[in-house]
Each structure stands twice: as structure tokens, then as C-alpha cells.
C-alpha atoms as a PDB file:
ATOM      1  CA  UNK A   1     -55.903  63.343  20.289  1.00  0.00           C
ATOM      2  CA  UNK A   2     -54.136  61.758  17.336  1.00  0.00           C
ATOM      3  CA  UNK A   3     -56.055  60.449  14.338  1.00  0.00           C
ATOM      4  CA  UNK A   4     -54.838  58.010  11.688  1.00  0.00           C
ATOM      5  CA  UNK A   5     -56.822  59.683   8.877  1.00  0.00           C
ATOM      6  CA  UNK A   6     -58.700  62.527  10.491  1.00  0.00           C
ATOM      7  CA  UNK A   7     -61.388  62.869  13.149  1.00  0.00           C
ATOM      8  CA  UNK A   8     -64.366  62.174  10.871  1.00  0.00           C
ATOM      9  CA  UNK A   9     -62.521  59.609   8.773  1.00  0.00           C
ATOM     10  CA  UNK A  10     -61.442  57.571  11.805  1.00  0.00           C
ATOM     11  CA  UNK A  11     -65.102  57.466  12.866  1.00  0.00           C
ATOM     12  CA  UNK A  12     -65.949  55.968   9.455  1.00  0.00           C
ATOM     13  CA  UNK A  13     -63.393  53.212  10.004  1.00  0.00           C
ATOM     14  CA  UNK A  14     -64.877  52.450  13.438  1.00  0.00           C
ATOM     15  CA  UNK A  15     -68.462  52.438  12.115  1.00  0.00           C
ATOM     16  CA  UNK A  16     -67.647  49.996   9.307  1.00  0.00           C
ATOM     17  CA  UNK A  17     -65.851  47.354  11.348  1.00  0.00           C
ATOM     18  CA  UNK A  18     -68.063  44.456  12.258  1.00  0.00           C
ATOM     19  CA  UNK A  19     -71.098  42.518  11.143  1.00  0.00           C
ATOM     20  CA  UNK A  20     -73.418  45.546  11.002  1.00  0.00           C
ATOM     21  CA  UNK A  21     -71.737  48.648   9.570  1.00  0.00           C
ATOM     22  CA  UNK A  22     -73.770  51.779  10.279  1.00  0.00           C
ATOM     23  CA  UNK A  23     -73.926  53.269   6.795  1.00  0.00           C
ATOM     24  CA  UNK A  24     -76.489  55.910   7.847  1.00  0.00           C
ATOM     25  CA  UNK A  25     -73.987  57.381  10.294  1.00  0.00           C
ATOM     26  CA  UNK A  26     -71.258  57.123   7.655  1.00  0.00           C
ATOM     27  CA  UNK A  27     -73.524  59.031   5.231  1.00  0.00           C
ATOM     28  CA  UNK A  28     -73.842  61.775   7.841  1.00  0.00           C
ATOM     29  CA  UNK A  29     -70.053  61.937   8.312  1.00  0.00           C
ATOM     30  CA  UNK A  30     -69.587  62.253   4.548  1.00  0.00           C
ATOM     31  CA  UNK A  31     -72.171  65.068   4.490  1.00  0.00           C
ATOM     32  CA  UNK A  32     -70.166  66.739   7.266  1.00  0.00           C
ATOM     33  CA  UNK A  33     -67.026  66.622   5.106  1.00  0.00           C
ATOM     34  CA  UNK A  34     -65.345  63.279   5.814  1.00  0.00           C
ATOM     35  CA  UNK A  35     -63.032  62.265   2.974  1.00  0.00           C
ATOM     36  CA  UNK A  36     -63.719  58.658   1.991  1.00  0.00           C
ATOM     37  CA  UNK A  37     -60.408  58.724   0.073  1.00  0.00           C
ATOM     38  CA  UNK A  38     -58.270  60.044   2.930  1.00  0.00           C
ATOM     39  CA  UNK A  39     -54.644  58.939   3.142  1.00  0.00           C
ATOM     40  CA  UNK A  40     -53.288  57.714   6.464  1.00  0.00           C
ATOM     41  CA  UNK A  41     -51.113  60.368   8.076  1.00  0.00           C
ATOM     42  CA  UNK A  42     -48.452  57.872   9.161  1.00  0.00           C
ATOM     43  CA  UNK A  43     -48.431  55.649   6.059  1.00  0.00           C
ATOM     44  CA  UNK A  44     -49.241  56.865   2.534  1.00  0.00           C
ATOM     45  CA  UNK A  45     -49.977  53.270   1.476  1.00  0.00           C
ATOM     46  CA  UNK A  46     -52.971  52.868   3.801  1.00  0.00           C
ATOM     47  CA  UNK A  47     -56.460  53.945   2.878  1.00  0.00           C
ATOM     48  CA  UNK A  48     -59.743  53.779   4.760  1.00  0.00           C
ATOM     49  CA  UNK A  49     -61.156  50.812   2.852  1.00  0.00           C
ATOM     50  CA  UNK A  50     -57.981  48.701   3.073  1.00  0.00           C
ATOM     51  CA  UNK A  51     -57.925  49.442   6.811  1.00  0.00           C
ATOM     52  CA  UNK A  52     -61.507  48.221   7.182  1.00  0.00           C
ATOM     53  CA  UNK A  53     -60.808  45.125   5.068  1.00  0.00           C
ATOM     54  CA  UNK A  54     -57.791  44.409   7.238  1.00  0.00           C
ATOM     55  CA  UNK A  55     -60.124  44.310  10.248  1.00  0.00           C
ATOM     56  CA  UNK A  56     -62.442  41.815   8.556  1.00  0.00           C
ATOM     57  CA  UNK A  57     -59.497  39.515   7.978  1.00  0.00           C
ATOM     58  CA  UNK A  58     -57.127  39.939  10.915  1.00  0.00           C
ATOM     59  CA  UNK A  59     -58.751  41.460  14.007  1.00  0.00           C
ATOM     60  CA  UNK A  60     -57.653  39.502  17.079  1.00  0.00           C
ATOM     61  CA  UNK A  61     -60.875  40.354  18.953  1.00  0.00           C
ATOM     62  CA  UNK A  62     -62.759  38.134  16.510  1.00  0.00           C
ATOM     63  CA  UNK A  63     -60.432  35.151  15.977  1.00  0.00           C
ATOM     64  CA  UNK A  64     -63.016  33.022  14.123  1.00  0.00           C
ATOM     65  CA  UNK A  65     -64.630  35.724  12.026  1.00  0.00           C
ATOM     66  CA  UNK A  66     -62.630  34.712   8.961  1.00  0.00           C
ATOM     67  CA  UNK A  67     -64.953  31.738   8.695  1.00  0.00           C
ATOM     68  CA  UNK A  68     -68.195  33.563   9.588  1.00  0.00           C
ATOM     69  CA  UNK A  69     -70.480  34.146   6.596  1.00  0.00           C
ATOM     70  CA  UNK A  70     -72.017  37.209   8.276  1.00  0.00           C
ATOM     71  CA  UNK A  71     -68.604  38.866   8.192  1.00  0.00           C
ATOM     72  CA  UNK A  72     -68.193  37.866   4.532  1.00  0.00           C
ATOM     73  CA  UNK A  73     -71.559  39.367   3.614  1.00  0.00           C
ATOM     74  CA  UNK A  74     -70.754  42.512   5.576  1.00  0.00           C
ATOM     75  CA  UNK A  75     -67.369  42.806   3.859  1.00  0.00           C
ATOM     76  CA  UNK A  76     -69.002  42.709   0.397  1.00  0.00           C
ATOM     77  CA  UNK A  77     -71.627  45.277   1.461  1.00  0.00           C
ATOM     78  CA  UNK A  78     -68.876  47.539   2.795  1.00  0.00           C
ATOM     79  CA  UNK A  79     -66.831  47.354  -0.428  1.00  0.00           C
ATOM     80  CA  UNK A  80     -69.979  48.069  -2.483  1.00  0.00           C
ATOM     81  CA  UNK A  81     -70.917  50.996  -0.220  1.00  0.00           C
ATOM     82  CA  UNK A  82     -67.486  52.600  -0.487  1.00  0.00           C
ATOM     83  CA  UNK A  83     -67.391  52.249  -4.271  1.00  0.00           C
ATOM     84  CA  UNK A  84     -70.913  53.673  -4.596  1.00  0.00           C
ATOM     85  CA  UNK A  85     -69.950  56.648  -2.425  1.00  0.00           C
ATOM     86  CA  UNK A  86     -66.835  57.742  -4.266  1.00  0.00           C
ATOM     87  CA  UNK A  87     -63.982  55.571  -3.062  1.00  0.00           C
ATOM     88  CA  UNK A  88     -61.380  55.693  -5.850  1.00  0.00           C
ATOM     89  CA  UNK A  89     -59.461  52.488  -6.545  1.00  0.00           C
ATOM     90  CA  UNK A  90     -57.381  54.544  -8.993  1.00  0.00           C
ATOM     91  CA  UNK A  91     -56.075  57.014  -6.426  1.00  0.00           C
ATOM     92  CA  UNK A  92     -52.323  57.151  -5.859  1.00  0.00           C
ATOM     93  CA  UNK A  93     -51.463  55.454  -9.190  1.00  0.00           C
ATOM     94  CA  UNK A  94     -53.986  52.638  -8.596  1.00  0.00           C
ATOM     95  CA  UNK A  95     -52.356  51.912  -5.243  1.00  0.00           C
ATOM     96  CA  UNK A  96     -55.654  52.303  -3.341  1.00  0.00           C
ATOM     97  CA  UNK A  97     -57.247  49.451  -5.275  1.00  0.00           C
ATOM     98  CA  UNK A  98     -54.050  47.398  -5.253  1.00  0.00           C
ATOM     99  CA  UNK A  99     -53.795  47.663  -1.458  1.00  0.00           C
ATOM    100  CA  UNK A 100     -57.414  46.516  -1.076  1.00  0.00           C
ATOM    101  CA  UNK A 101     -56.827  43.551  -3.409  1.00  0.00           C
ATOM    102  CA  UNK A 102     -53.618  42.568  -1.619  1.00  0.00           C
ATOM    103  CA  UNK A 103     -55.389  42.671   1.745  1.00  0.00           C
ATOM    104  CA  UNK A 104     -57.445  39.637   0.712  1.00  0.00           C
ATOM    105  CA  UNK A 105     -54.484  37.230   0.943  1.00  0.00           C
ATOM    106  CA  UNK A 106     -55.548  35.964   4.361  1.00  0.00           C
ATOM    107  CA  UNK A 107     -59.296  35.693   3.950  1.00  0.00           C
ATOM    108  CA  UNK A 108     -61.220  32.478   3.908  1.00  0.00           C
ATOM    109  CA  UNK A 109     -64.598  33.938   2.994  1.00  0.00           C
ATOM    110  CA  UNK A 110     -64.450  32.101  -0.378  1.00  0.00           C
ATOM    111  CA  UNK A 111     -67.243  33.419  -2.584  1.00  0.00           C
ATOM    112  CA  UNK A 112     -67.465  36.653  -0.590  1.00  0.00           C
ATOM    113  CA  UNK A 113     -63.808  37.421  -1.189  1.00  0.00           C
ATOM    114  CA  UNK A 114     -64.121  36.715  -4.911  1.00  0.00           C
ATOM    115  CA  UNK A 115     -67.255  38.889  -5.096  1.00  0.00           C
ATOM    116  CA  UNK A 116     -65.423  41.757  -3.376  1.00  0.00           C
ATOM    117  CA  UNK A 117     -62.456  41.315  -5.751  1.00  0.00           C
ATOM    118  CA  UNK A 118     -64.832  41.497  -8.740  1.00  0.00           C
ATOM    119  CA  UNK A 119     -66.423  44.676  -7.360  1.00  0.00           C
ATOM    120  CA  UNK A 120     -62.994  46.297  -7.023  1.00  0.00           C
ATOM    121  CA  UNK A 121     -61.922  45.164 -10.508  1.00  0.00           C
ATOM    122  CA  UNK A 122     -65.209  46.400 -11.983  1.00  0.00           C
ATOM    123  CA  UNK A 123     -64.475  49.793 -10.408  1.00  0.00           C
ATOM    124  CA  UNK A 124     -61.034  49.916 -12.050  1.00  0.00           C
ATOM    125  CA  UNK A 125     -58.669  48.300  -9.528  1.00  0.00           C
ATOM    126  CA  UNK A 126     -55.566  46.964 -11.265  1.00  0.00           C
ATOM    127  CA  UNK A 127     -52.315  45.185 -10.627  1.00  0.00           C
ATOM    128  CA  UNK A 128     -50.134  47.970  -9.246  1.00  0.00           C
ATOM    129  CA  UNK A 129     -47.374  48.558  -6.728  1.00  0.00           C
ATOM    130  CA  UNK A 130     -48.869  47.938  -3.292  1.00  0.00           C
ATOM    131  CA  UNK A 131     -46.270  49.543  -1.031  1.00  0.00           C
ATOM    132  CA  UNK A 132     -44.431  52.748  -1.901  1.00  0.00           C
ATOM    133  CA  UNK A 133     -41.125  51.569  -0.420  1.00  0.00           C
ATOM    134  CA  UNK A 134     -41.094  48.311  -2.391  1.00  0.00           C
ATOM    135  CA  UNK A 135     -41.675  47.319  -5.989  1.00  0.00           C
ATOM    136  CA  UNK A 136     -44.074  44.542  -5.038  1.00  0.00           C
ATOM    137  CA  UNK A 137     -47.254  44.434  -7.106  1.00  0.00           C
ATOM    138  CA  UNK A 138     -50.625  42.964  -6.222  1.00  0.00           C
ATOM    139  CA  UNK A 139     -49.875  39.853  -8.269  1.00  0.00           C
ATOM    140  CA  UNK A 140     -46.487  39.433  -6.509  1.00  0.00           C
ATOM    141  CA  UNK A 141     -48.129  39.628  -3.077  1.00  0.00           C
ATOM    142  CA  UNK A 142     -50.909  37.180  -3.951  1.00  0.00           C
ATOM    143  CA  UNK A 143     -48.596  34.835  -5.902  1.00  0.00           C
ATOM    144  CA  UNK A 144     -46.182  34.699  -2.986  1.00  0.00           C
ATOM    145  CA  UNK A 145     -48.967  33.819  -0.608  1.00  0.00           C
ATOM    146  CA  UNK A 146     -50.249  31.082  -2.953  1.00  0.00           C
ATOM    147  CA  UNK A 147     -46.805  29.446  -2.740  1.00  0.00           C
ATOM    148  CA  UNK A 148     -46.759  29.817   1.048  1.00  0.00           C
ATOM    149  CA  UNK A 149     -50.223  28.281   1.416  1.00  0.00           C
ATOM    150  CA  UNK A 150     -49.242  25.305  -0.740  1.00  0.00           C
ATOM    151  CA  UNK A 151     -46.161  24.693   1.420  1.00  0.00           C
ATOM    152  CA  UNK A 152     -48.334  24.938   4.540  1.00  0.00           C
ATOM    153  CA  UNK A 153     -50.801  22.539   2.857  1.00  0.00           C
ATOM    154  CA  UNK A 154     -53.719  24.951   3.086  1.00  0.00           C
ATOM    155  CA  UNK A 155     -54.942  24.009  -0.357  1.00  0.00           C
ATOM    156  CA  UNK A 156     -58.327  25.660   0.123  1.00  0.00           C
ATOM    157  CA  UNK A 157     -56.646  29.023   0.685  1.00  0.00           C
ATOM    158  CA  UNK A 158     -54.152  28.459  -2.139  1.00  0.00           C
ATOM    159  CA  UNK A 159     -56.953  27.565  -4.549  1.00  0.00           C
ATOM    160  CA  UNK A 160     -59.015  30.572  -3.493  1.00  0.00           C
ATOM    161  CA  UNK A 161     -56.045  32.876  -4.030  1.00  0.00           C
ATOM    162  CA  UNK A 162     -55.317  31.238  -7.395  1.00  0.00           C
ATOM    163  CA  UNK A 163     -58.788  32.278  -8.578  1.00  0.00           C
ATOM    164  CA  UNK A 164     -58.155  35.815  -7.287  1.00  0.00           C
ATOM    165  CA  UNK A 165     -54.733  35.906  -8.976  1.00  0.00           C
ATOM    166  CA  UNK A 166     -56.184  34.717 -12.284  1.00  0.00           C
ATOM    167  CA  UNK A 167     -58.963  37.330 -12.148  1.00  0.00           C
ATOM    168  CA  UNK A 168     -56.414  40.133 -11.737  1.00  0.00           C
ATOM    169  CA  UNK A 169     -54.179  38.612 -14.430  1.00  0.00           C
ATOM    170  CA  UNK A 170     -57.165  38.423 -16.806  1.00  0.00           C
ATOM    171  CA  UNK A 171     -57.742  42.159 -16.335  1.00  0.00           C
ATOM    172  CA  UNK A 172     -54.078  42.809 -17.174  1.00  0.00           C
ATOM    173  CA  UNK A 173     -54.398  40.716 -20.306  1.00  0.00           C
ATOM    174  CA  UNK A 174     -57.696  42.311 -21.319  1.00  0.00           C
ATOM    175  CA  UNK A 175     -59.609  39.061 -20.896  1.00  0.00           C
ATOM    176  CA  UNK A 176     -62.949  38.458 -19.147  1.00  0.00           C
ATOM    177  CA  UNK A 177     -62.737  37.637 -15.462  1.00  0.00           C
ATOM    178  CA  UNK A 178     -66.351  37.372 -14.310  1.00  0.00           C
ATOM    179  CA  UNK A 179     -66.523  33.625 -14.997  1.00  0.00           C
ATOM    180  CA  UNK A 180     -63.638  32.822 -12.648  1.00  0.00           C
ATOM    181  CA  UNK A 181     -65.249  31.740  -9.405  1.00  0.00           C
ATOM    182  CA  UNK A 182     -62.933  28.899  -8.379  1.00  0.00           C
ATOM    183  CA  UNK A 183     -59.476  27.667  -9.287  1.00  0.00           C
ATOM    184  CA  UNK A 184     -60.659  24.914 -11.650  1.00  0.00           C
ATOM    185  CA  UNK A 185     -61.850  27.580 -14.075  1.00  0.00           C
ATOM    186  CA  UNK A 186     -58.294  28.917 -14.264  1.00  0.00           C
ATOM    187  CA  UNK A 187     -56.847  25.911 -16.074  1.00  0.00           C
ATOM    188  CA  UNK A 188     -56.041  26.528 -19.701  1.00  0.00           C
ATOM    189  CA  UNK A 189     -56.724  30.279 -19.508  1.00  0.00           C
END
């Protein structure tokens, strides 16, 4: 059998996808030696948390879950759990955190997404190169998607991403970011 991260680590990914992650079983896997910071065997840019976040945003089995508040709440709980249990946003030259931040470009969870972004930034996530074979940073990925969303006339998504972009930019500039909870607070910053 082939595993993306490892036998125990792949079980963590499976247990954390969905509305009700089973953190007690994840705790047991960690006690048994699962590495919460494992690198994907086939792609050094993937990490367990970005993989789980990808599910919350893109899984075709749940086509409407991007609008479901239960999924948003679960996503925030999952990010908080991983950070509390040793997930390092600084691993791989900050790429772990950058990949998690960049994964949010297609969410529509609004306040849940911004809460998860704040949790990652509070833990030390920074603007960094997202993919090892490109020089694209978190801000490049999010900025590009803001432009795309404006062209597609999805102003809600563009405005949500603008707030996310400005939070990450504020960290880079050494400015406070906790007060940014919608795009209107970005003007004049």
C-alpha cells in the first residue's frame, strides 16, 4: 500500500476531513508516533494541514460545503488543533505556513477563513515562496486570485481575499493585523 505521508499520517488526514474531526483518535496517532509535520513523499510542498484545508475548500464530494458554516467552524478548530499540537508554520523556510495561507484563495467561509488566517499568522506564518519549483509567494498567489475574482465579478470573494492579503502584508510591514476583518478596513493602511 502506498501512503502520501506515511501510514499514521494519512490516517490523520482522513480523520480531520469533514464537519466532525476526531481529535481523540488523532491524539492517539500522535502518541503512536505520527508526525504532524510530515512532508508528502511525492511533493515536498504539501503538508498535512494544507492537504486537510484543501479538502475543506475543494472536495468534489461536498460541492456546497464552501458555504456551510459547520465546515467553516470545523476548519478553524482543525487549524487551532494542529497549531496547539506542534504543527510548524515555519518548517521548510516558512513554506508550510505559506502553503496553508495560499490554500485559502478559494474559500467562501468569510469570517472563518479570516480567523484561520489570523491563527496561522499568530503562530508565525509569513509571506514566503509557496511552491519549490516557482518563485511565487503567498502574496503573489492571493493577489493574482483577487484580480481573477474581480474579472469574474465575484466581488465578495475578491473583497475577502483583499482582507487576507492586507493581513499578510501588515505582518511583512510590522504593522498590526488583528483589526482587519473585512476589506473596508484596508483602505488607507
